[in-house]
Amino acid sequence: MSKTLERTFRIGSVSASVFVNEVQGDGGKRKSRNVNLQRRYKDGDERKSTSSCALADVPQAIRVLQLAQEHVEAIEANVTG
């Protein structure tokens, strides 16, 4: 299984990254998308990231997740079967 970063949406310190996973199934290879939510912060001089958000970050988290959802929907709506 291969995992590739497709797109990242960022507002302030919060980002949502869309990854494409290519998986082998009974019907052959197919693509599956996953979304990773992160918040970047500074710990002393070091930059770190976490999957938890402070209450003040929730509106940004909601919006980047909406953007990621719209991105995935647009791609999957164009797939013909």
PDB file of N, CA and C in Angstrom:
ATOM      1  N   MET A   1       0.847  -1.170   0.000  1.00  0.00           N
ATOM      2  CA  MET A   1       0.000   0.000   0.000  1.00  0.00           C
ATOM      3  C   MET A   1       0.897   1.240   0.000  1.00  0.00           C
ATOM      4  N   SER A   2       0.635   2.155  -0.910  1.00  0.00           N
ATOM      5  CA  SER A   2       1.402   3.399  -0.959  1.00  0.00           C
ATOM      6  C   SER A   2       0.530   4.547  -0.481  1.00  0.00           C
ATOM      7  N   LYS A   3       1.146   5.488   0.222  1.00  0.00           N
ATOM      8  CA  LYS A   3       0.416   6.629   0.778  1.00  0.00           C
ATOM      9  C   LYS A   3       1.092   7.898   0.285  1.00  0.00           C
ATOM     10  N   THR A   4       0.319   8.762  -0.404  1.00  0.00           N
ATOM     11  CA  THR A   4       0.866   9.975  -0.994  1.00  0.00           C
ATOM     12  C   THR A   4       0.062  11.187  -0.554  1.00  0.00           C
ATOM     13  N   LEU A   5       0.769  12.255  -0.175  1.00  0.00           N
ATOM     14  CA  LEU A   5       0.100  13.500   0.163  1.00  0.00           C
ATOM     15  C   LEU A   5      -0.472  14.106  -1.114  1.00  0.00           C
ATOM     16  N   GLU A   6      -1.764  14.384  -1.106  1.00  0.00           N
ATOM     17  CA  GLU A   6      -2.428  14.949  -2.278  1.00  0.00           C
ATOM     18  C   GLU A   6      -2.617  16.457  -2.150  1.00  0.00           C
ATOM     19  N   ARG A   7      -3.013  16.918  -0.957  1.00  0.00           N
ATOM     20  CA  ARG A   7      -3.304  18.347  -0.794  1.00  0.00           C
ATOM     21  C   ARG A   7      -3.358  18.680   0.692  1.00  0.00           C
ATOM     22  N   THR A   8      -2.923  19.877   1.048  1.00  0.00           N
ATOM     23  CA  THR A   8      -3.019  20.353   2.427  1.00  0.00           C
ATOM     24  C   THR A   8      -3.752  21.682   2.446  1.00  0.00           C
ATOM     25  N   PHE A   9      -4.692  21.808   3.379  1.00  0.00           N
ATOM     26  CA  PHE A   9      -5.442  23.039   3.589  1.00  0.00           C
ATOM     27  C   PHE A   9      -5.023  23.575   4.955  1.00  0.00           C
ATOM     28  N   ARG A  10      -4.638  24.861   5.010  1.00  0.00           N
ATOM     29  CA  ARG A  10      -4.116  25.425   6.253  1.00  0.00           C
ATOM     30  C   ARG A  10      -4.764  26.778   6.542  1.00  0.00           C
ATOM     31  N   ILE A  11      -5.193  26.949   7.769  1.00  0.00           N
ATOM     32  CA  ILE A  11      -5.657  28.249   8.262  1.00  0.00           C
ATOM     33  C   ILE A  11      -4.968  28.448   9.606  1.00  0.00           C
ATOM     34  N   GLY A  12      -4.161  29.474   9.695  1.00  0.00           N
ATOM     35  CA  GLY A  12      -3.416  29.711  10.925  1.00  0.00           C
ATOM     36  C   GLY A  12      -2.522  28.530  11.243  1.00  0.00           C
ATOM     37  N   SER A  13      -2.641  28.022  12.449  1.00  0.00           N
ATOM     38  CA  SER A  13      -1.788  26.911  12.872  1.00  0.00           C
ATOM     39  C   SER A  13      -2.433  25.544  12.650  1.00  0.00           C
ATOM     40  N   VAL A  14      -3.638  25.525  12.080  1.00  0.00           N
ATOM     41  CA  VAL A  14      -4.374  24.268  11.888  1.00  0.00           C
ATOM     42  C   VAL A  14      -4.366  23.874  10.418  1.00  0.00           C
ATOM     43  N   SER A  15      -4.121  22.585  10.164  1.00  0.00           N
ATOM     44  CA  SER A  15      -4.117  22.108   8.778  1.00  0.00           C
ATOM     45  C   SER A  15      -4.815  20.760   8.671  1.00  0.00           C
ATOM     46  N   ALA A  16      -5.356  20.511   7.493  1.00  0.00           N
ATOM     47  CA  ALA A  16      -5.948  19.215   7.155  1.00  0.00           C
ATOM     48  C   ALA A  16      -5.268  18.754   5.878  1.00  0.00           C
ATOM     49  N   SER A  17      -4.650  17.583   5.929  1.00  0.00           N
ATOM     50  CA  SER A  17      -3.948  17.033   4.771  1.00  0.00           C
ATOM     51  C   SER A  17      -4.707  15.835   4.239  1.00  0.00           C
ATOM     52  N   VAL A  18      -4.864  15.791   2.918  1.00  0.00           N
ATOM     53  CA  VAL A  18      -5.549  14.683   2.259  1.00  0.00           C
ATOM     54  C   VAL A  18      -4.483  13.752   1.690  1.00  0.00           C
ATOM     55  N   PHE A  19      -4.539  12.490   2.084  1.00  0.00           N
ATOM     56  CA  PHE A  19      -3.614  11.479   1.593  1.00  0.00           C
ATOM     57  C   PHE A  19      -4.364  10.483   0.723  1.00  0.00           C
ATOM     58  N   VAL A  20      -3.711  10.031  -0.331  1.00  0.00           N
ATOM     59  CA  VAL A  20      -4.277   9.015  -1.212  1.00  0.00           C
ATOM     60  C   VAL A  20      -3.557   7.703  -0.926  1.00  0.00           C
ATOM     61  N   ASN A  21      -4.325   6.685  -0.628  1.00  0.00           N
ATOM     62  CA  ASN A  21      -3.782   5.347  -0.418  1.00  0.00           C
ATOM     63  C   ASN A  21      -4.187   4.486  -1.599  1.00  0.00           C
ATOM     64  N   GLU A  22      -3.222   3.816  -2.194  1.00  0.00           N
ATOM     65  CA  GLU A  22      -3.537   2.875  -3.266  1.00  0.00           C
ATOM     66  C   GLU A  22      -3.543   1.490  -2.645  1.00  0.00           C
ATOM     67  N   VAL A  23      -4.697   0.838  -2.696  1.00  0.00           N
ATOM     68  CA  VAL A  23      -4.840  -0.473  -2.070  1.00  0.00           C
ATOM     69  C   VAL A  23      -5.201  -1.517  -3.116  1.00  0.00           C
ATOM     70  N   GLN A  24      -4.733  -2.709  -2.874  1.00  0.00           N
ATOM     71  CA  GLN A  24      -5.013  -3.838  -3.765  1.00  0.00           C
ATOM     72  C   GLN A  24      -6.191  -4.598  -3.188  1.00  0.00           C
ATOM     73  N   GLY A  25      -7.226  -4.746  -3.961  1.00  0.00           N
ATOM     74  CA  GLY A  25      -8.402  -5.495  -3.530  1.00  0.00           C
ATOM     75  C   GLY A  25      -8.709  -6.606  -4.516  1.00  0.00           C
ATOM     76  N   ASP A  26      -9.839  -7.264  -4.314  1.00  0.00           N
ATOM     77  CA  ASP A  26     -10.249  -8.348  -5.203  1.00  0.00           C
ATOM     78  C   ASP A  26     -10.457  -7.855  -6.629  1.00  0.00           C
ATOM     79  N   GLY A  27     -10.936  -6.623  -6.772  1.00  0.00           N
ATOM     80  CA  GLY A  27     -11.199  -6.053  -8.088  1.00  0.00           C
ATOM     81  C   GLY A  27     -10.009  -5.316  -8.681  1.00  0.00           C
ATOM     82  N   GLY A  28      -8.849  -5.423  -8.074  1.00  0.00           N
ATOM     83  CA  GLY A  28      -7.663  -4.716  -8.552  1.00  0.00           C
ATOM     84  C   GLY A  28      -7.325  -3.542  -7.642  1.00  0.00           C
ATOM     85  N   LYS A  29      -6.497  -2.656  -8.151  1.00  0.00           N
ATOM     86  CA  LYS A  29      -6.081  -1.492  -7.357  1.00  0.00           C
ATOM     87  C   LYS A  29      -7.192  -0.448  -7.329  1.00  0.00           C
ATOM     88  N   ARG A  30      -7.312   0.208  -6.179  1.00  0.00           N
ATOM     89  CA  ARG A  30      -8.247   1.312  -6.057  1.00  0.00           C
ATOM     90  C   ARG A  30      -7.632   2.363  -5.140  1.00  0.00           C
ATOM     91  N   LYS A  31      -8.159   3.583  -5.228  1.00  0.00           N
ATOM     92  CA  LYS A  31      -7.657   4.674  -4.405  1.00  0.00           C
ATOM     93  C   LYS A  31      -8.629   4.970  -3.278  1.00  0.00           C
ATOM     94  N   SER A  32      -8.074   5.214  -2.123  1.00  0.00           N
ATOM     95  CA  SER A  32      -8.847   5.569  -0.950  1.00  0.00           C
ATOM     96  C   SER A  32      -8.210   6.820  -0.350  1.00  0.00           C
ATOM     97  N   ARG A  33      -9.010   7.773   0.066  1.00  0.00           N
ATOM     98  CA  ARG A  33      -8.480   9.013   0.623  1.00  0.00           C
ATOM     99  C   ARG A  33      -8.735   9.089   2.122  1.00  0.00           C
ATOM    100  N   ASN A  34      -7.746   9.618   2.848  1.00  0.00           N
ATOM    101  CA  ASN A  34      -7.832   9.838   4.286  1.00  0.00           C
ATOM    102  C   ASN A  34      -7.432  11.273   4.581  1.00  0.00           C
ATOM    103  N   VAL A  35      -7.986  11.820   5.647  1.00  0.00           N
ATOM    104  CA  VAL A  35      -7.684  13.194   6.044  1.00  0.00           C
ATOM    105  C   VAL A  35      -7.032  13.175   7.425  1.00  0.00           C
ATOM    106  N   ASN A  36      -5.932  13.921   7.537  1.00  0.00           N
ATOM    107  CA  ASN A  36      -5.194  14.039   8.787  1.00  0.00           C
ATOM    108  C   ASN A  36      -5.302  15.486   9.267  1.00  0.00           C
ATOM    109  N   LEU A  37      -5.776  15.695  10.496  1.00  0.00           N
ATOM    110  CA  LEU A  37      -5.910  17.031  11.076  1.00  0.00           C
ATOM    111  C   LEU A  37      -4.752  17.264  12.039  1.00  0.00           C
ATOM    112  N   GLN A  38      -4.088  18.419  11.914  1.00  0.00           N
ATOM    113  CA  GLN A  38      -2.965  18.743  12.790  1.00  0.00           C
ATOM    114  C   GLN A  38      -3.006  20.204  13.199  1.00  0.00           C
ATOM    115  N   ARG A  39      -2.435  20.466  14.375  1.00  0.00           N
ATOM    116  CA  ARG A  39      -2.217  21.833  14.825  1.00  0.00           C
ATOM    117  C   ARG A  39      -0.735  21.961  15.146  1.00  0.00           C
ATOM    118  N   ARG A  40      -0.108  22.982  14.564  1.00  0.00           N
ATOM    119  CA  ARG A  40       1.313  23.226  14.812  1.00  0.00           C
ATOM    120  C   ARG A  40       1.448  24.187  15.980  1.00  0.00           C
ATOM    121  N   TYR A  41       2.493  23.992  16.765  1.00  0.00           N
ATOM    122  CA  TYR A  41       2.763  24.892  17.883  1.00  0.00           C
ATOM    123  C   TYR A  41       4.261  24.921  18.155  1.00  0.00           C
ATOM    124  N   LYS A  42       4.663  25.871  18.933  1.00  0.00           N
ATOM    125  CA  LYS A  42       6.073  26.030  19.252  1.00  0.00           C
ATOM    126  C   LYS A  42       6.295  25.669  20.714  1.00  0.00           C
ATOM    127  N   ASP A  43       7.272  24.808  20.962  1.00  0.00           N
ATOM    128  CA  ASP A  43       7.656  24.400  22.310  1.00  0.00           C
ATOM    129  C   ASP A  43       9.096  24.850  22.506  1.00  0.00           C
ATOM    130  N   GLY A  44       9.270  26.018  23.104  1.00  0.00           N
ATOM    131  CA  GLY A  44      10.603  26.625  23.180  1.00  0.00           C
ATOM    132  C   GLY A  44      11.011  27.063  21.784  1.00  0.00           C
ATOM    133  N   ASP A  45      12.135  26.574  21.304  1.00  0.00           N
ATOM    134  CA  ASP A  45      12.590  26.872  19.939  1.00  0.00           C
ATOM    135  C   ASP A  45      12.151  25.816  18.934  1.00  0.00           C
ATOM    136  N   GLU A  46      11.552  24.743  19.432  1.00  0.00           N
ATOM    137  CA  GLU A  46      11.186  23.615  18.571  1.00  0.00           C
ATOM    138  C   GLU A  46       9.741  23.709  18.109  1.00  0.00           C
ATOM    139  N   ARG A  47       9.510  23.425  16.821  1.00  0.00           N
ATOM    140  CA  ARG A  47       8.157  23.379  16.281  1.00  0.00           C
ATOM    141  C   ARG A  47       7.659  21.949  16.362  1.00  0.00           C
ATOM    142  N   LYS A  48       6.433  21.806  16.845  1.00  0.00           N
ATOM    143  CA  LYS A  48       5.835  20.482  16.997  1.00  0.00           C
ATOM    144  C   LYS A  48       4.430  20.490  16.416  1.00  0.00           C
ATOM    145  N   SER A  49       3.840  19.313  16.319  1.00  0.00           N
ATOM    146  CA  SER A  49       2.460  19.221  15.858  1.00  0.00           C
ATOM    147  C   SER A  49       1.710  18.221  16.729  1.00  0.00           C
ATOM    148  N   THR A  50       0.397  18.419  16.786  1.00  0.00           N
ATOM    149  CA  THR A  50      -0.471  17.554  17.576  1.00  0.00           C
ATOM    150  C   THR A  50      -1.807  17.409  16.857  1.00  0.00           C
ATOM    151  N   SER A  51      -2.538  16.379  17.228  1.00  0.00           N
ATOM    152  CA  SER A  51      -3.868  16.193  16.643  1.00  0.00           C
ATOM    153  C   SER A  51      -4.945  16.800  17.540  1.00  0.00           C
ATOM    154  N   SER A  52      -4.564  17.313  18.719  1.00  0.00           N
ATOM    155  CA  SER A  52      -5.561  17.959  19.571  1.00  0.00           C
ATOM    156  C   SER A  52      -5.577  19.458  19.335  1.00  0.00           C
ATOM    157  N   CYS A  53      -6.748  20.030  19.539  1.00  0.00           N
ATOM    158  CA  CYS A  53      -6.943  21.462  19.300  1.00  0.00           C
ATOM    159  C   CYS A  53      -7.471  22.128  20.558  1.00  0.00           C
ATOM    160  N   ALA A  54      -7.036  23.356  20.775  1.00  0.00           N
ATOM    161  CA  ALA A  54      -7.609  24.171  21.840  1.00  0.00           C
ATOM    162  C   ALA A  54      -8.974  24.663  21.363  1.00  0.00           C
ATOM    163  N   LEU A  55      -9.797  25.077  22.280  1.00  0.00           N
ATOM    164  CA  LEU A  55     -11.128  25.562  21.930  1.00  0.00           C
ATOM    165  C   LEU A  55     -11.063  26.684  20.898  1.00  0.00           C
ATOM    166  N   ALA A  56     -10.075  27.555  21.016  1.00  0.00           N
ATOM    167  CA  ALA A  56      -9.928  28.675  20.074  1.00  0.00           C
ATOM    168  C   ALA A  56      -9.581  28.210  18.663  1.00  0.00           C
ATOM    169  N   ASP A  57      -9.040  26.980  18.522  1.00  0.00           N
ATOM    170  CA  ASP A  57      -8.654  26.443  17.207  1.00  0.00           C
ATOM    171  C   ASP A  57      -9.790  25.705  16.506  1.00  0.00           C
ATOM    172  N   VAL A  58     -10.875  25.439  17.215  1.00  0.00           N
ATOM    173  CA  VAL A  58     -11.966  24.634  16.656  1.00  0.00           C
ATOM    174  C   VAL A  58     -12.569  25.248  15.393  1.00  0.00           C
ATOM    175  N   PRO A  59     -12.850  26.556  15.327  1.00  0.00           N
ATOM    176  CA  PRO A  59     -13.386  27.108  14.069  1.00  0.00           C
ATOM    177  C   PRO A  59     -12.447  26.891  12.867  1.00  0.00           C
ATOM    178  N   GLN A  60     -11.141  27.037  13.082  1.00  0.00           N
ATOM    179  CA  GLN A  60     -10.178  26.789  12.002  1.00  0.00           C
ATOM    180  C   GLN A  60     -10.168  25.318  11.621  1.00  0.00           C
ATOM    181  N   ALA A  61     -10.254  24.448  12.628  1.00  0.00           N
ATOM    182  CA  ALA A  61     -10.270  23.010  12.359  1.00  0.00           C
ATOM    183  C   ALA A  61     -11.501  22.628  11.544  1.00  0.00           C
ATOM    184  N   ILE A  62     -12.643  23.176  11.917  1.00  0.00           N
ATOM    185  CA  ILE A  62     -13.874  22.888  11.175  1.00  0.00           C
ATOM    186  C   ILE A  62     -13.729  23.324   9.722  1.00  0.00           C
ATOM    187  N   ARG A  63     -13.201  24.520   9.506  1.00  0.00           N
ATOM    188  CA  ARG A  63     -13.101  25.044   8.135  1.00  0.00           C
ATOM    189  C   ARG A  63     -12.111  24.242   7.290  1.00  0.00           C
ATOM    190  N   VAL A  64     -10.936  23.895   7.825  1.00  0.00           N
ATOM    191  CA  VAL A  64      -9.991  23.127   7.000  1.00  0.00           C
ATOM    192  C   VAL A  64     -10.535  21.735   6.713  1.00  0.00           C
ATOM    193  N   LEU A  65     -11.300  21.166   7.645  1.00  0.00           N
ATOM    194  CA  LEU A  65     -11.934  19.870   7.375  1.00  0.00           C
ATOM    195  C   LEU A  65     -13.011  19.999   6.300  1.00  0.00           C
ATOM    196  N   GLN A  66     -13.753  21.113   6.314  1.00  0.00           N
ATOM    197  CA  GLN A  66     -14.736  21.344   5.251  1.00  0.00           C
ATOM    198  C   GLN A  66     -14.046  21.462   3.888  1.00  0.00           C
ATOM    199  N   LEU A  67     -12.933  22.187   3.835  1.00  0.00           N
ATOM    200  CA  LEU A  67     -12.192  22.328   2.576  1.00  0.00           C
ATOM    201  C   LEU A  67     -11.678  20.981   2.090  1.00  0.00           C
ATOM    202  N   ALA A  68     -11.181  20.172   3.011  1.00  0.00           N
ATOM    203  CA  ALA A  68     -10.702  18.837   2.641  1.00  0.00           C
ATOM    204  C   ALA A  68     -11.852  17.977   2.129  1.00  0.00           C
ATOM    205  N   GLN A  69     -12.998  18.072   2.793  1.00  0.00           N
ATOM    206  CA  GLN A  69     -14.177  17.315   2.358  1.00  0.00           C
ATOM    207  C   GLN A  69     -14.612  17.742   0.963  1.00  0.00           C
ATOM    208  N   GLU A  70     -14.656  19.043   0.712  1.00  0.00           N
ATOM    209  CA  GLU A  70     -15.043  19.542  -0.611  1.00  0.00           C
ATOM    210  C   GLU A  70     -14.070  19.059  -1.681  1.00  0.00           C
ATOM    211  N   HIS A  71     -12.795  19.035  -1.354  1.00  0.00           N
ATOM    212  CA  HIS A  71     -11.770  18.554  -2.293  1.00  0.00           C
ATOM    213  C   HIS A  71     -12.015  17.086  -2.659  1.00  0.00           C
ATOM    214  N   VAL A  72     -12.215  16.260  -1.635  1.00  0.00           N
ATOM    215  CA  VAL A  72     -12.431  14.823  -1.862  1.00  0.00           C
ATOM    216  C   VAL A  72     -13.737  14.601  -2.627  1.00  0.00           C
ATOM    217  N   GLU A  73     -14.786  15.318  -2.254  1.00  0.00           N
ATOM    218  CA  GLU A  73     -16.070  15.172  -2.953  1.00  0.00           C
ATOM    219  C   GLU A  73     -15.942  15.544  -4.427  1.00  0.00           C
ATOM    220  N   ALA A  74     -15.211  16.619  -4.713  1.00  0.00           N
ATOM    221  CA  ALA A  74     -15.041  17.049  -6.105  1.00  0.00           C
ATOM    222  C   ALA A  74     -14.312  15.986  -6.919  1.00  0.00           C
ATOM    223  N   ILE A  75     -13.306  15.355  -6.346  1.00  0.00           N
ATOM    224  CA  ILE A  75     -12.577  14.311  -7.052  1.00  0.00           C
ATOM    225  C   ILE A  75     -13.446  13.075  -7.240  1.00  0.00           C
ATOM    226  N   GLU A  76     -14.107  12.655  -6.186  1.00  0.00           N
ATOM    227  CA  GLU A  76     -14.909  11.438  -6.259  1.00  0.00           C
ATOM    228  C   GLU A  76     -16.155  11.615  -7.096  1.00  0.00           C
ATOM    229  N   ALA A  77     -16.674  12.837  -7.203  1.00  0.00           N
ATOM    230  CA  ALA A  77     -17.843  13.098  -8.052  1.00  0.00           C
ATOM    231  C   ALA A  77     -17.483  12.991  -9.536  1.00  0.00           C
ATOM    232  N   ASN A  78     -16.202  13.162  -9.858  1.00  0.00           N
ATOM    233  CA  ASN A  78     -15.754  13.078 -11.242  1.00  0.00           C
ATOM    234  C   ASN A  78     -15.399  11.660 -11.675  1.00  0.00           C
ATOM    235  N   VAL A  79     -15.404  10.736 -10.736  1.00  0.00           N
ATOM    236  CA  VAL A  79     -15.052   9.347 -11.046  1.00  0.00           C
ATOM    237  C   VAL A  79     -16.257   8.682 -11.706  1.00  0.00           C
ATOM    238  N   THR A  80     -16.010   8.069 -12.848  1.00  0.00           N
ATOM    239  CA  THR A  80     -17.083   7.327 -13.522  1.00  0.00           C
ATOM    240  C   THR A  80     -16.822   5.847 -13.352  1.00  0.00           C
ATOM    241  N   GLY A  81     -17.874   5.110 -13.168  1.00  0.00           N
ATOM    242  CA  GLY A  81     -17.689   3.702 -12.871  1.00  0.00           C
ATOM    243  C   GLY A  81     -18.105   2.847 -13.988  1.00  0.00           C
TER     244      GLY A  81
END
